[in-house]
Amino acid sequence: MPGRVVRARFISPSREDLSPWLDRCDHFYIGSEFCEHLIPSSVWADRMVKDVCGKGKRLSLLTPPVGESGLRRIGQLFSLLSKAVGDPYEVVVNDWGVYRLARENGLLLRLGRLLLRQTRDPRLVPRDDGRATPLATRVSEPLIGLLCELGFRGLETDVWDTALFEMIGPRLDIALYVPFRYLTTTRLCAVARLRVREASDATPVIKACDLECQNSTFVIREGPLGERILAGNTLFILSKYLEKDALPHVGRIVEFDRPI
């Protein structure tokens, strides 16, 4: 069971000034879980390594599902991190090809929330005893054993599930993401589709990504699921509760000031 809960903060390339957070957080996250277009440049990542780790803080790199071009960019980041001074750096893995590359580079492995088998339906709310409904958790003891054998040191989640935490906590460190909980994601960016033009054969054509998701999000209020937030290629809800029994099992709380 963890002792003191570590406070972590996600930092995007648009945030240049780390000083407001250096005294409040022990750990920082960079990168992206959902889109390879948001993989940070090696130049910016190198600056974050120096700025964050130079102050005695720790750094984790979020990685998304990727294609060949994205894997090459991540490979450049892994080469940078594997040569950086200090303890091995953490990589949050959401793609099995990325997992293999991270392990080959000697980086510390954490299972990303896209690979964690949890039901995303927000209607599966906690019961009166603070535990999620049985359908919410699809993680078994054999799966936890396999993750340990594969070299994972911890996992990331945005679903507060005391039963899951009690099962995992003694074997893997748990990082809990707040306040945005993702519902679903896709390779097709809804924000980019605002720039779609129709080709002659009626096939949608999308221009190159201009990172609009870093400046534009949409709130959807209609429907049975309540208020949802659309950011880039991913749909989120705001988590409005914190299970009182969850924190003793969580090693790290990761705060996001934007969904992606």
C-alpha atoms as a PDB file:
ATOM      1  CA  MET A   1       0.000   0.000   0.000  1.00  0.00           C
ATOM      2  CA  PRO A   2       1.465   3.405  -0.950  1.00  0.00           C
ATOM      3  CA  GLY A   3       2.525   5.972   1.603  1.00  0.00           C
ATOM      4  CA  ARG A   4       2.388   9.649   0.712  1.00  0.00           C
ATOM      5  CA  VAL A   5       0.458  10.327  -2.487  1.00  0.00           C
ATOM      6  CA  VAL A   6       2.642  11.964  -5.137  1.00  0.00           C
ATOM      7  CA  ARG A   7       1.167  15.008  -6.871  1.00  0.00           C
ATOM      8  CA  ALA A   8       1.843  15.084 -10.608  1.00  0.00           C
ATOM      9  CA  ARG A   9       0.981  17.597 -13.316  1.00  0.00           C
ATOM     10  CA  PHE A  10       0.550  17.328 -17.082  1.00  0.00           C
ATOM     11  CA  ILE A  11       2.493  19.967 -19.022  1.00  0.00           C
ATOM     12  CA  SER A  12       1.671  20.733 -22.666  1.00  0.00           C
ATOM     13  CA  PRO A  13       4.044  22.428 -25.140  1.00  0.00           C
ATOM     14  CA  SER A  14       1.843  25.538 -24.996  1.00  0.00           C
ATOM     15  CA  ARG A  15       2.781  26.018 -21.325  1.00  0.00           C
ATOM     16  CA  GLU A  16       6.217  27.594 -21.135  1.00  0.00           C
ATOM     17  CA  ASP A  17       6.384  28.611 -17.468  1.00  0.00           C
ATOM     18  CA  LEU A  18       6.781  25.732 -15.009  1.00  0.00           C
ATOM     19  CA  SER A  19       7.487  27.912 -11.986  1.00  0.00           C
ATOM     20  CA  PRO A  20       3.879  27.925 -10.620  1.00  0.00           C
ATOM     21  CA  TRP A  21       3.995  24.118 -10.326  1.00  0.00           C
ATOM     22  CA  LEU A  22       7.534  23.306  -9.281  1.00  0.00           C
ATOM     23  CA  ASP A  23       6.810  23.891  -5.595  1.00  0.00           C
ATOM     24  CA  ARG A  24       3.461  22.066  -5.703  1.00  0.00           C
ATOM     25  CA  CYS A  25       4.268  18.946  -7.723  1.00  0.00           C
ATOM     26  CA  ASP A  26       6.857  16.190  -7.434  1.00  0.00           C
ATOM     27  CA  HIS A  27       6.292  14.712 -10.876  1.00  0.00           C
ATOM     28  CA  PHE A  28       5.456  15.984 -14.362  1.00  0.00           C
ATOM     29  CA  TYR A  29       3.935  14.357 -17.445  1.00  0.00           C
ATOM     30  CA  ILE A  30       4.539  15.350 -21.062  1.00  0.00           C
ATOM     31  CA  GLY A  31       3.367  13.859 -24.365  1.00  0.00           C
ATOM     32  CA  SER A  32       0.008  12.532 -25.517  1.00  0.00           C
ATOM     33  CA  GLU A  33      -2.061   9.376 -25.030  1.00  0.00           C
ATOM     34  CA  PHE A  34      -4.491   9.872 -27.879  1.00  0.00           C
ATOM     35  CA  CYS A  35      -2.856  11.301 -31.024  1.00  0.00           C
ATOM     36  CA  GLU A  36       0.548  10.884 -32.637  1.00  0.00           C
ATOM     37  CA  HIS A  37       0.338  14.467 -33.972  1.00  0.00           C
ATOM     38  CA  LEU A  38       0.758  15.598 -30.354  1.00  0.00           C
ATOM     39  CA  ILE A  39       4.016  13.722 -29.764  1.00  0.00           C
ATOM     40  CA  PRO A  40       6.393  16.452 -28.549  1.00  0.00           C
ATOM     41  CA  SER A  41       9.483  17.410 -30.468  1.00  0.00           C
ATOM     42  CA  SER A  42      12.865  16.197 -29.258  1.00  0.00           C
ATOM     43  CA  VAL A  43      13.960  19.806 -28.739  1.00  0.00           C
ATOM     44  CA  TRP A  44      11.043  20.609 -26.437  1.00  0.00           C
ATOM     45  CA  ALA A  45      11.301  17.282 -24.610  1.00  0.00           C
ATOM     46  CA  ASP A  46      15.011  17.847 -24.015  1.00  0.00           C
ATOM     47  CA  ARG A  47      14.225  21.230 -22.494  1.00  0.00           C
ATOM     48  CA  MET A  48      11.610  19.667 -20.210  1.00  0.00           C
ATOM     49  CA  VAL A  49      14.101  17.017 -19.077  1.00  0.00           C
ATOM     50  CA  LYS A  50      16.563  19.750 -18.107  1.00  0.00           C
ATOM     51  CA  ASP A  51      13.963  22.079 -16.552  1.00  0.00           C
ATOM     52  CA  VAL A  52      12.076  19.398 -14.601  1.00  0.00           C
ATOM     53  CA  CYS A  53      14.785  16.942 -13.637  1.00  0.00           C
ATOM     54  CA  GLY A  54      17.243  19.746 -13.015  1.00  0.00           C
ATOM     55  CA  LYS A  55      14.955  20.808 -10.161  1.00  0.00           C
ATOM     56  CA  GLY A  56      14.989  17.322  -8.663  1.00  0.00           C
ATOM     57  CA  LYS A  57      11.555  16.378 -10.034  1.00  0.00           C
ATOM     58  CA  ARG A  58      10.597  13.263 -11.996  1.00  0.00           C
ATOM     59  CA  LEU A  59       9.290  13.074 -15.555  1.00  0.00           C
ATOM     60  CA  SER A  60       7.002  10.653 -17.437  1.00  0.00           C
ATOM     61  CA  LEU A  61       6.350  10.519 -21.178  1.00  0.00           C
ATOM     62  CA  LEU A  62       2.807   9.756 -22.366  1.00  0.00           C
ATOM     63  CA  THR A  63       2.661   7.896 -25.686  1.00  0.00           C
ATOM     64  CA  PRO A  64      -0.326   7.221 -27.992  1.00  0.00           C
ATOM     65  CA  PRO A  65      -1.219   4.452 -30.428  1.00  0.00           C
ATOM     66  CA  VAL A  66       1.002   5.110 -33.429  1.00  0.00           C
ATOM     67  CA  GLY A  67       1.726   4.248 -37.020  1.00  0.00           C
ATOM     68  CA  GLU A  68       5.173   3.967 -38.577  1.00  0.00           C
ATOM     69  CA  SER A  69       5.854   7.720 -38.647  1.00  0.00           C
ATOM     70  CA  GLY A  70       4.734   8.139 -35.049  1.00  0.00           C
ATOM     71  CA  LEU A  71       6.906   5.222 -33.969  1.00  0.00           C
ATOM     72  CA  ARG A  72       9.948   6.862 -35.535  1.00  0.00           C
ATOM     73  CA  ARG A  73       9.283  10.105 -33.638  1.00  0.00           C
ATOM     74  CA  ILE A  74       8.828   8.205 -30.391  1.00  0.00           C
ATOM     75  CA  GLY A  75      12.043   6.336 -31.080  1.00  0.00           C
ATOM     76  CA  GLN A  76      13.866   9.675 -31.188  1.00  0.00           C
ATOM     77  CA  LEU A  77      12.386  10.616 -27.804  1.00  0.00           C
ATOM     78  CA  PHE A  78      13.311   7.246 -26.323  1.00  0.00           C
ATOM     79  CA  SER A  79      16.885   7.688 -27.522  1.00  0.00           C
ATOM     80  CA  LEU A  80      16.943  11.087 -25.820  1.00  0.00           C
ATOM     81  CA  LEU A  81      15.522   9.751 -22.545  1.00  0.00           C
ATOM     82  CA  SER A  82      17.722   6.671 -22.466  1.00  0.00           C
ATOM     83  CA  LYS A  83      20.842   8.868 -22.697  1.00  0.00           C
ATOM     84  CA  ALA A  84      19.653  11.524 -20.215  1.00  0.00           C
ATOM     85  CA  VAL A  85      21.427  11.849 -16.891  1.00  0.00           C
ATOM     86  CA  GLY A  86      19.680  10.469 -13.817  1.00  0.00           C
ATOM     87  CA  ASP A  87      17.359   7.598 -13.037  1.00  0.00           C
ATOM     88  CA  PRO A  88      15.600   5.788 -15.911  1.00  0.00           C
ATOM     89  CA  TYR A  89      12.604   7.715 -17.191  1.00  0.00           C
ATOM     90  CA  GLU A  90       9.029   6.450 -17.240  1.00  0.00           C
ATOM     91  CA  VAL A  91       7.043   5.797 -20.390  1.00  0.00           C
ATOM     92  CA  VAL A  92       3.267   5.383 -20.324  1.00  0.00           C
ATOM     93  CA  VAL A  93       2.499   2.797 -23.005  1.00  0.00           C
ATOM     94  CA  ASN A  94      -0.730   2.695 -25.015  1.00  0.00           C
ATOM     95  CA  ASP A  95       0.619   0.700 -27.967  1.00  0.00           C
ATOM     96  CA  TRP A  96       2.395  -2.661 -27.951  1.00  0.00           C
ATOM     97  CA  GLY A  97       4.931  -1.591 -30.564  1.00  0.00           C
ATOM     98  CA  VAL A  98       5.821   1.346 -28.332  1.00  0.00           C
ATOM     99  CA  TYR A  99       6.101  -1.096 -25.407  1.00  0.00           C
ATOM    100  CA  ARG A 100       8.725  -3.145 -27.207  1.00  0.00           C
ATOM    101  CA  LEU A 101      10.711  -0.070 -28.196  1.00  0.00           C
ATOM    102  CA  ALA A 102      10.597   1.370 -24.666  1.00  0.00           C
ATOM    103  CA  ARG A 103      11.777  -1.896 -23.155  1.00  0.00           C
ATOM    104  CA  GLU A 104      14.646  -2.132 -25.639  1.00  0.00           C
ATOM    105  CA  ASN A 105      15.742   1.362 -24.525  1.00  0.00           C
ATOM    106  CA  GLY A 106      15.733   0.413 -20.844  1.00  0.00           C
ATOM    107  CA  LEU A 107      12.919   2.793 -19.874  1.00  0.00           C
ATOM    108  CA  LEU A 108      10.508   2.243 -16.983  1.00  0.00           C
ATOM    109  CA  LEU A 109       7.136   0.936 -18.149  1.00  0.00           C
ATOM    110  CA  ARG A 110       3.634   1.925 -17.084  1.00  0.00           C
ATOM    111  CA  LEU A 111       0.420   0.650 -18.669  1.00  0.00           C
ATOM    112  CA  GLY A 112      -1.625   3.466 -20.198  1.00  0.00           C
ATOM    113  CA  ARG A 113      -5.337   3.857 -19.680  1.00  0.00           C
ATOM    114  CA  LEU A 114      -6.082   2.988 -23.331  1.00  0.00           C
ATOM    115  CA  LEU A 115      -4.743  -0.529 -22.705  1.00  0.00           C
ATOM    116  CA  LEU A 116      -6.323  -0.959 -19.266  1.00  0.00           C
ATOM    117  CA  ARG A 117      -9.447  -3.080 -19.620  1.00  0.00           C
ATOM    118  CA  GLN A 118     -12.064  -0.974 -17.851  1.00  0.00           C
ATOM    119  CA  THR A 119     -15.597  -0.278 -19.041  1.00  0.00           C
ATOM    120  CA  ARG A 120     -15.868   3.400 -19.999  1.00  0.00           C
ATOM    121  CA  ASP A 121     -19.657   3.811 -19.570  1.00  0.00           C
ATOM    122  CA  PRO A 122     -20.175   6.734 -17.120  1.00  0.00           C
ATOM    123  CA  ARG A 123     -23.533   5.296 -16.052  1.00  0.00           C
ATOM    124  CA  LEU A 124     -21.664   2.578 -14.130  1.00  0.00           C
ATOM    125  CA  VAL A 125     -21.404   4.739 -11.026  1.00  0.00           C
ATOM    126  CA  PRO A 126     -20.036   3.562  -7.672  1.00  0.00           C
ATOM    127  CA  ARG A 127     -22.356   1.667  -5.347  1.00  0.00           C
ATOM    128  CA  ASP A 128     -23.186   2.841  -1.839  1.00  0.00           C
ATOM    129  CA  ASP A 129     -20.114   1.057  -0.477  1.00  0.00           C
ATOM    130  CA  GLY A 130     -17.806   3.108  -2.706  1.00  0.00           C
ATOM    131  CA  ARG A 131     -17.037   0.313  -5.168  1.00  0.00           C
ATOM    132  CA  ALA A 132     -17.694   0.406  -8.870  1.00  0.00           C
ATOM    133  CA  THR A 133     -20.353  -1.906 -10.230  1.00  0.00           C
ATOM    134  CA  PRO A 134     -19.043  -5.364 -11.216  1.00  0.00           C
ATOM    135  CA  LEU A 135     -19.314  -4.595 -14.925  1.00  0.00           C
ATOM    136  CA  ALA A 136     -16.932  -1.644 -14.623  1.00  0.00           C
ATOM    137  CA  THR A 137     -13.820  -3.717 -13.944  1.00  0.00           C
ATOM    138  CA  ARG A 138     -12.482  -6.250 -16.431  1.00  0.00           C
ATOM    139  CA  VAL A 139      -9.069  -6.736 -14.865  1.00  0.00           C
ATOM    140  CA  SER A 140      -8.195 -10.125 -13.402  1.00  0.00           C
ATOM    141  CA  GLU A 141      -5.442 -11.501 -11.195  1.00  0.00           C
ATOM    142  CA  PRO A 142      -3.863 -13.414 -14.123  1.00  0.00           C
ATOM    143  CA  LEU A 143      -3.761 -10.189 -16.143  1.00  0.00           C
ATOM    144  CA  ILE A 144      -2.028  -8.347 -13.304  1.00  0.00           C
ATOM    145  CA  GLY A 145       0.489 -11.201 -13.106  1.00  0.00           C
ATOM    146  CA  LEU A 146       1.123 -10.954 -16.846  1.00  0.00           C
ATOM    147  CA  LEU A 147       1.705  -7.200 -16.632  1.00  0.00           C
ATOM    148  CA  CYS A 148       4.289  -7.784 -13.910  1.00  0.00           C
ATOM    149  CA  GLU A 149       6.005 -10.437 -16.058  1.00  0.00           C
ATOM    150  CA  LEU A 150       6.079  -7.979 -18.983  1.00  0.00           C
ATOM    151  CA  GLY A 151       7.996  -5.507 -16.850  1.00  0.00           C
ATOM    152  CA  PHE A 152       5.287  -2.966 -16.004  1.00  0.00           C
ATOM    153  CA  ARG A 153       5.880  -1.103 -12.745  1.00  0.00           C
ATOM    154  CA  GLY A 154       2.521   0.631 -12.604  1.00  0.00           C
ATOM    155  CA  LEU A 155      -0.616   1.584 -14.459  1.00  0.00           C
ATOM    156  CA  GLU A 156      -2.644   4.697 -15.215  1.00  0.00           C
ATOM    157  CA  THR A 157      -6.397   5.013 -14.780  1.00  0.00           C
ATOM    158  CA  ASP A 158      -9.096   7.664 -14.599  1.00  0.00           C
ATOM    159  CA  VAL A 159     -11.773   5.341 -13.141  1.00  0.00           C
ATOM    160  CA  TRP A 160     -12.023   5.403  -9.350  1.00  0.00           C
ATOM    161  CA  ASP A 161     -12.656   1.778  -8.517  1.00  0.00           C
ATOM    162  CA  THR A 162     -11.775   0.688  -4.986  1.00  0.00           C
ATOM    163  CA  ALA A 163     -12.108  -3.021  -5.776  1.00  0.00           C
ATOM    164  CA  LEU A 164      -9.638  -2.655  -8.641  1.00  0.00           C
ATOM    165  CA  PHE A 165      -7.236  -0.641  -6.508  1.00  0.00           C
ATOM    166  CA  GLU A 166      -7.279  -3.241  -3.748  1.00  0.00           C
ATOM    167  CA  MET A 167      -6.453  -5.997  -6.239  1.00  0.00           C
ATOM    168  CA  ILE A 168      -3.704  -4.095  -8.074  1.00  0.00           C
ATOM    169  CA  GLY A 169      -2.245  -1.896  -5.336  1.00  0.00           C
ATOM    170  CA  PRO A 170       0.059  -4.444  -3.667  1.00  0.00           C
ATOM    171  CA  ARG A 171       1.698  -5.357  -6.997  1.00  0.00           C
ATOM    172  CA  LEU A 172       1.607  -2.294  -9.262  1.00  0.00           C
ATOM    173  CA  ASP A 173       1.772   1.411  -8.503  1.00  0.00           C
ATOM    174  CA  ILE A 174      -1.436   3.228  -9.486  1.00  0.00           C
ATOM    175  CA  ALA A 175      -1.628   6.710 -11.011  1.00  0.00           C
ATOM    176  CA  LEU A 176      -5.087   8.296 -10.925  1.00  0.00           C
ATOM    177  CA  TYR A 177      -5.905  10.952 -13.547  1.00  0.00           C
ATOM    178  CA  VAL A 178      -8.174  13.887 -12.654  1.00  0.00           C
ATOM    179  CA  PRO A 179     -10.489  15.526 -13.559  1.00  0.00           C
ATOM    180  CA  PHE A 180     -11.002  14.357 -17.178  1.00  0.00           C
ATOM    181  CA  ARG A 181     -12.160  10.790 -17.774  1.00  0.00           C
ATOM    182  CA  TYR A 182     -12.090   9.579 -21.355  1.00  0.00           C
ATOM    183  CA  LEU A 183     -15.076   7.735 -22.791  1.00  0.00           C
ATOM    184  CA  THR A 184     -13.909   6.822 -26.278  1.00  0.00           C
ATOM    185  CA  THR A 185     -11.258   7.752 -28.812  1.00  0.00           C
ATOM    186  CA  THR A 186     -10.636   7.240 -32.530  1.00  0.00           C
ATOM    187  CA  ARG A 187      -7.988   7.880 -35.160  1.00  0.00           C
ATOM    188  CA  LEU A 188     -10.364  10.363 -36.847  1.00  0.00           C
ATOM    189  CA  CYS A 189     -10.139  13.841 -35.311  1.00  0.00           C
ATOM    190  CA  ALA A 190     -13.538  15.501 -35.023  1.00  0.00           C
ATOM    191  CA  VAL A 191     -11.969  18.951 -34.794  1.00  0.00           C
ATOM    192  CA  ALA A 192      -9.981  18.362 -37.991  1.00  0.00           C
ATOM    193  CA  ARG A 193     -13.196  17.317 -39.739  1.00  0.00           C
ATOM    194  CA  LEU A 194     -14.355  20.905 -39.476  1.00  0.00           C
ATOM    195  CA  ARG A 195     -11.882  21.507 -42.317  1.00  0.00           C
ATOM    196  CA  VAL A 196     -13.080  18.620 -44.475  1.00  0.00           C
ATOM    197  CA  ARG A 197     -13.788  19.279 -48.120  1.00  0.00           C
ATOM    198  CA  GLU A 198     -15.645  16.789 -50.260  1.00  0.00           C
ATOM    199  CA  ALA A 199     -13.635  15.213 -53.058  1.00  0.00           C
ATOM    200  CA  SER A 200     -15.184  14.413 -56.408  1.00  0.00           C
ATOM    201  CA  ASP A 201     -15.898  10.836 -55.320  1.00  0.00           C
ATOM    202  CA  ALA A 202     -17.537  12.089 -52.094  1.00  0.00           C
ATOM    203  CA  THR A 203     -14.654  10.703 -50.005  1.00  0.00           C
ATOM    204  CA  PRO A 204     -13.823  13.073 -47.125  1.00  0.00           C
ATOM    205  CA  VAL A 205     -10.358  14.577 -47.426  1.00  0.00           C
ATOM    206  CA  ILE A 206      -8.701  16.030 -44.320  1.00  0.00           C
ATOM    207  CA  LYS A 207      -5.833  18.482 -44.584  1.00  0.00           C
ATOM    208  CA  ALA A 208      -2.719  18.230 -42.466  1.00  0.00           C
ATOM    209  CA  CYS A 209      -3.197  18.626 -38.721  1.00  0.00           C
ATOM    210  CA  ASP A 210      -2.818  22.188 -37.445  1.00  0.00           C
ATOM    211  CA  LEU A 211      -3.169  21.200 -33.752  1.00  0.00           C
ATOM    212  CA  GLU A 212      -6.570  22.860 -33.468  1.00  0.00           C
ATOM    213  CA  CYS A 213      -7.367  20.618 -30.504  1.00  0.00           C
ATOM    214  CA  GLN A 214      -4.866  22.603 -28.444  1.00  0.00           C
ATOM    215  CA  ASN A 215      -7.059  25.693 -28.789  1.00  0.00           C
ATOM    216  CA  SER A 216     -10.593  24.356 -29.323  1.00  0.00           C
ATOM    217  CA  THR A 217     -12.809  21.994 -27.355  1.00  0.00           C
ATOM    218  CA  PHE A 218     -16.561  21.401 -27.582  1.00  0.00           C
ATOM    219  CA  VAL A 219     -19.107  20.714 -24.864  1.00  0.00           C
ATOM    220  CA  ILE A 220     -22.007  18.348 -25.683  1.00  0.00           C
ATOM    221  CA  ARG A 221     -24.939  18.658 -23.308  1.00  0.00           C
ATOM    222  CA  GLU A 222     -27.696  16.652 -25.001  1.00  0.00           C
ATOM    223  CA  GLY A 223     -28.164  12.910 -24.537  1.00  0.00           C
ATOM    224  CA  PRO A 224     -28.418  10.447 -21.638  1.00  0.00           C
ATOM    225  CA  LEU A 225     -24.717  10.546 -20.682  1.00  0.00           C
ATOM    226  CA  GLY A 226     -24.754  14.108 -19.410  1.00  0.00           C
ATOM    227  CA  GLU A 227     -22.204  16.767 -20.292  1.00  0.00           C
ATOM    228  CA  ARG A 228     -19.330  15.553 -22.430  1.00  0.00           C
ATOM    229  CA  ILE A 229     -16.198  17.299 -23.690  1.00  0.00           C
ATOM    230  CA  LEU A 230     -14.941  16.704 -27.231  1.00  0.00           C
ATOM    231  CA  ALA A 231     -11.224  17.424 -27.606  1.00  0.00           C
ATOM    232  CA  GLY A 232      -9.555  16.409 -30.843  1.00  0.00           C
ATOM    233  CA  ASN A 233     -10.240  12.725 -31.464  1.00  0.00           C
ATOM    234  CA  THR A 234     -11.426  11.892 -27.932  1.00  0.00           C
ATOM    235  CA  LEU A 235     -14.608  12.284 -25.884  1.00  0.00           C
ATOM    236  CA  PHE A 236     -14.341  13.001 -22.143  1.00  0.00           C
ATOM    237  CA  ILE A 237     -16.494  13.601 -19.111  1.00  0.00           C
ATOM    238  CA  LEU A 238     -15.582  15.442 -15.930  1.00  0.00           C
ATOM    239  CA  SER A 239     -15.232  13.195 -12.902  1.00  0.00           C
ATOM    240  CA  LYS A 240     -17.139  14.878 -10.110  1.00  0.00           C
ATOM    241  CA  TYR A 241     -16.510  12.512  -7.224  1.00  0.00           C
ATOM    242  CA  LEU A 242     -13.612  10.929  -5.434  1.00  0.00           C
ATOM    243  CA  GLU A 243     -14.052   7.609  -3.666  1.00  0.00           C
ATOM    244  CA  LYS A 244     -13.053   7.990  -0.042  1.00  0.00           C
ATOM    245  CA  ASP A 245     -11.490   4.533   0.015  1.00  0.00           C
ATOM    246  CA  ALA A 246      -9.511   4.933  -3.195  1.00  0.00           C
ATOM    247  CA  LEU A 247      -6.703   7.235  -2.083  1.00  0.00           C
ATOM    248  CA  PRO A 248      -4.992   4.806   0.318  1.00  0.00           C
ATOM    249  CA  HIS A 249      -4.329   2.575  -2.689  1.00  0.00           C
ATOM    250  CA  VAL A 250      -3.157   5.299  -5.104  1.00  0.00           C
ATOM    251  CA  GLY A 251       0.504   6.198  -5.378  1.00  0.00           C
ATOM    252  CA  ARG A 252       0.089   9.211  -7.631  1.00  0.00           C
ATOM    253  CA  ILE A 253      -2.593  11.721  -8.592  1.00  0.00           C
ATOM    254  CA  VAL A 254      -2.053  13.297 -12.024  1.00  0.00           C
ATOM    255  CA  GLU A 255      -3.809  16.622 -12.607  1.00  0.00           C
ATOM    256  CA  PHE A 256      -4.726  17.830 -16.085  1.00  0.00           C
ATOM    257  CA  ASP A 257      -5.799  21.403 -16.820  1.00  0.00           C
ATOM    258  CA  ARG A 258      -6.921  20.373 -20.333  1.00  0.00           C
ATOM    259  CA  PRO A 259      -8.252  17.076 -21.723  1.00  0.00           C
ATOM    260  CA  ILE A 260      -5.383  16.490 -24.181  1.00  0.00           C
END
